[in-house]
Amino acid sequence: MSSGGMESGVGSCGMVAGLVHDIPTCKELLDRIMAEAKQIIENRLTAML
């Protein structure tokens, strides 16, 4: 784990590892984050009007 050899070392992870359903590319992840942020902003602004 300390030398970076994932094949010969021990990987540490917690219970949250069970919540991972896909591994998106960086672009896909950023697109999702931006879409969710836009939706949150739009919903909150609409509620304020």
Protein backbone atom coordinates (compact mmCIF):
# COMPACT_ATOMS: atom_id res chain seq x y z
CA MET A 1 0.00 0.00 0.00
CA SER A 2 2.79 2.45 0.83
CA SER A 3 4.89 1.59 -2.24
CA GLY A 4 1.99 1.93 -4.68
CA GLY A 5 1.98 -1.68 -5.89
CA MET A 6 -1.74 -2.37 -6.13
CA GLU A 7 -1.22 -5.95 -7.32
CA SER A 8 0.97 -6.96 -4.38
CA GLY A 9 -0.35 -4.62 -1.71
CA VAL A 10 -3.52 -4.24 0.28
CA GLY A 11 -6.11 -1.76 -0.90
CA SER A 12 -8.10 0.10 1.71
CA CYS A 13 -11.75 0.97 1.15
CA GLY A 14 -14.83 1.40 3.27
CA MET A 15 -18.49 0.54 3.00
CA VAL A 16 -19.00 3.33 0.47
CA ALA A 17 -17.30 1.11 -2.14
CA GLY A 18 -20.62 -0.76 -2.41
CA LEU A 19 -22.27 2.44 -3.67
CA VAL A 20 -20.05 2.69 -6.75
CA HIS A 21 -22.12 1.60 -9.75
CA ASP A 22 -20.01 2.94 -12.61
CA ILE A 23 -16.65 4.53 -13.32
CA PRO A 24 -17.24 7.50 -15.62
CA THR A 25 -14.60 9.30 -17.62
CA CYS A 26 -13.50 12.71 -16.33
CA LYS A 27 -15.65 14.39 -18.98
CA GLU A 28 -18.72 12.35 -18.06
CA LEU A 29 -18.23 13.09 -14.37
CA LEU A 30 -17.84 16.83 -14.93
CA ASP A 31 -20.86 16.87 -17.27
CA ARG A 32 -22.95 15.18 -14.56
CA ILE A 33 -21.75 17.60 -11.89
CA MET A 34 -22.52 20.60 -14.10
CA ALA A 35 -25.99 19.29 -15.02
CA GLU A 36 -26.84 18.64 -11.36
CA ALA A 37 -25.57 22.09 -10.33
CA LYS A 38 -27.61 23.76 -13.07
CA GLN A 39 -30.74 21.89 -11.99
CA ILE A 40 -30.24 22.84 -8.32
CA ILE A 41 -29.65 26.51 -9.19
CA GLU A 42 -32.68 26.66 -11.49
CA ASN A 43 -34.95 24.97 -8.95
CA ARG A 44 -33.86 27.24 -6.10
CA LEU A 45 -34.14 30.42 -8.14
CA THR A 46 -37.60 29.46 -9.36
CA ALA A 47 -38.68 28.80 -5.79
CA MET A 48 -37.43 32.25 -4.74
CA LEU A 49 -39.46 34.13 -7.37
